[in-house]
Amino acid sequence: MEDSRVWEFETSLWTADADHYRESIDESVVMVVPQPPYALTGEQAVQAVIDTPRWAKADLTDRRVERPQEGLIVVGYHVHASRDGVDPYEAWCTSTYRRLGHDDWKVVQHQQTPVRAA
C-alpha cells in the first residue's frame, strides 16, 4: 500500500462509520486507548469504537511509515481530531497493519497517548 493510501486509511479509522471500522480491524487486534479498560482486543476494540461518536475531522501530522517486512506496515503520527460540541482531541498514535491478501489490509495494533494541556 502506497503512503498516500496508508494515510487515507488511517484517517478513515477516525472519521468513518462503525461498519467501515469493523471491516478494517483484525479479529486479533490489540488496542490501547486513554480510558478504561485501556487495553482492548478483538471485538472489545470494535465495540468501543462503535460506542464512541465518530470525529468529523482528523488531521494527521508528524507522519512516519515503516515497512519492516513484506505485508507489514507500522505508522506513527500526531492526530488533532474535532467534532461539534466537544473539545478537540490530540494524541500521539501508532498503528500496525498486516496484509491478508491483495489490497486487503487489517489493523492488528493501535495505541493512543493523549496530549495533555499544560
Protein backbone atom coordinates (compact mmCIF):
# COMPACT_ATOMS: atom_id res chain seq x y z
CA MET A 1 0.00 0.00 0.00
CA GLU A 2 1.42 3.38 -1.01
CA ASP A 3 1.93 6.05 1.65
CA SER A 4 -0.97 8.20 0.42
CA ARG A 5 -3.34 5.23 0.79
CA VAL A 6 -1.91 4.44 4.22
CA TRP A 7 -2.84 7.92 5.43
CA GLU A 8 -6.27 7.85 3.79
CA PHE A 9 -6.91 4.53 5.50
CA GLU A 10 -5.69 5.72 8.91
CA THR A 11 -7.73 8.93 8.68
CA SER A 12 -10.83 6.91 7.80
CA LEU A 13 -10.45 4.98 11.05
CA TRP A 14 -11.07 8.27 12.89
CA THR A 15 -13.93 9.57 10.75
CA ALA A 16 -15.78 6.73 9.00
CA ASP A 17 -18.78 4.84 10.31
CA ALA A 18 -18.76 1.77 12.54
CA ASP A 19 -19.22 -0.66 9.63
CA HIS A 20 -16.05 0.61 7.97
CA TYR A 21 -14.20 0.33 11.26
CA ARG A 22 -15.41 -3.24 11.81
CA GLU A 23 -14.24 -4.21 8.30
CA SER A 24 -10.81 -2.62 8.88
CA ILE A 25 -9.91 -4.20 12.22
CA ASP A 26 -8.36 -7.65 12.51
CA GLU A 27 -10.04 -10.08 14.89
CA SER A 28 -6.67 -10.38 16.69
CA VAL A 29 -6.23 -6.61 17.19
CA VAL A 30 -4.65 -5.23 20.36
CA MET A 31 -5.60 -1.64 21.11
CA VAL A 32 -4.62 0.73 23.92
CA VAL A 33 -6.83 3.78 24.45
CA PRO A 34 -6.83 6.53 27.10
CA GLN A 35 -9.91 5.41 29.03
CA PRO A 36 -10.90 2.22 30.86
CA PRO A 37 -10.50 -0.59 30.26
CA TYR A 38 -7.42 0.81 28.39
CA ALA A 39 -6.21 -2.42 26.74
CA LEU A 40 -8.72 -3.94 24.33
CA THR A 41 -8.67 -6.89 21.99
CA GLY A 42 -10.80 -8.12 19.10
CA GLU A 43 -14.50 -7.45 19.42
CA GLN A 44 -13.94 -5.28 22.54
CA ALA A 45 -11.98 -2.81 20.41
CA VAL A 46 -14.62 -2.72 17.69
CA GLN A 47 -17.42 -2.26 20.24
CA ALA A 48 -15.54 0.57 21.98
CA VAL A 49 -15.36 2.45 18.70
CA ILE A 50 -18.99 1.76 17.84
CA ASP A 51 -19.96 3.20 21.23
CA THR A 52 -17.90 6.38 20.63
CA PRO A 53 -19.15 9.18 18.35
CA ARG A 54 -17.02 9.50 15.24
CA TRP A 55 -14.82 12.54 14.66
CA ALA A 56 -15.89 14.97 11.94
CA LYS A 57 -12.28 15.81 11.07
CA ALA A 58 -8.91 14.27 11.86
CA ASP A 59 -5.64 15.95 10.89
CA LEU A 60 -2.67 13.59 10.99
CA THR A 61 0.75 15.24 11.17
CA ASP A 62 4.34 14.25 12.02
CA ARG A 63 3.72 11.12 9.98
CA ARG A 64 6.05 8.13 9.98
CA VAL A 65 5.69 4.97 7.90
CA GLU A 66 7.86 1.87 8.19
CA ARG A 67 7.67 -1.44 6.39
CA PRO A 68 9.73 -3.88 8.47
CA GLN A 69 8.84 -6.81 6.21
CA GLU A 70 6.59 -7.71 3.30
CA GLY A 71 2.94 -7.44 4.31
CA LEU A 72 3.52 -5.37 7.44
CA ILE A 73 3.15 -1.59 7.82
CA VAL A 74 3.78 0.40 11.01
CA VAL A 75 2.73 4.05 11.30
CA GLY A 76 3.21 6.73 13.94
CA TYR A 77 1.70 10.21 13.94
CA HIS A 78 0.09 13.08 15.84
CA VAL A 79 -3.68 13.49 15.49
CA HIS A 80 -5.83 16.55 16.06
CA ALA A 81 -9.47 15.38 15.90
CA SER A 82 -12.57 17.55 16.16
CA ARG A 83 -16.35 17.46 16.02
CA ASP A 84 -19.06 19.91 17.01
CA GLY A 85 -19.96 20.15 20.68
CA VAL A 86 -16.79 18.68 22.22
CA ASP A 87 -13.25 19.83 22.87
CA PRO A 88 -10.73 18.82 20.20
CA TYR A 89 -8.68 15.72 20.92
CA GLU A 90 -4.92 15.47 20.42
CA ALA A 91 -2.79 12.36 20.74
CA TRP A 92 0.32 10.61 19.53
CA CYS A 93 -0.64 7.31 17.92
CA THR A 94 0.73 4.16 16.39
CA SER A 95 -0.99 1.56 14.22
CA THR A 96 0.21 -1.64 12.63
CA TYR A 97 -1.39 -3.25 9.56
CA ARG A 98 -0.92 -6.70 8.13
CA ARG A 99 -1.79 -7.76 4.63
CA LEU A 100 -4.14 -10.71 4.35
CA GLY A 101 -4.41 -10.68 0.56
CA HIS A 102 -4.07 -8.42 -2.42
CA ASP A 103 -5.28 -4.98 -1.29
CA ASP A 104 -6.72 -6.49 1.93
CA TRP A 105 -5.12 -4.82 4.95
CA LYS A 106 -6.29 -5.06 8.56
CA VAL A 107 -5.27 -3.18 11.71
CA VAL A 108 -3.62 -5.53 14.22
CA GLN A 109 -2.41 -2.87 16.68
CA HIS A 110 -3.37 0.68 17.62
CA GLN A 111 -2.24 2.86 20.53
CA GLN A 112 -3.09 6.42 21.63
CA THR A 113 -1.19 8.66 24.03
CA PRO A 114 -3.26 11.81 24.60
CA VAL A 115 -1.58 15.21 24.62
CA ARG A 116 -2.43 16.88 27.91
CA ALA A 117 -2.94 20.66 28.01
CA ALA A 118 -0.19 22.37 30.04
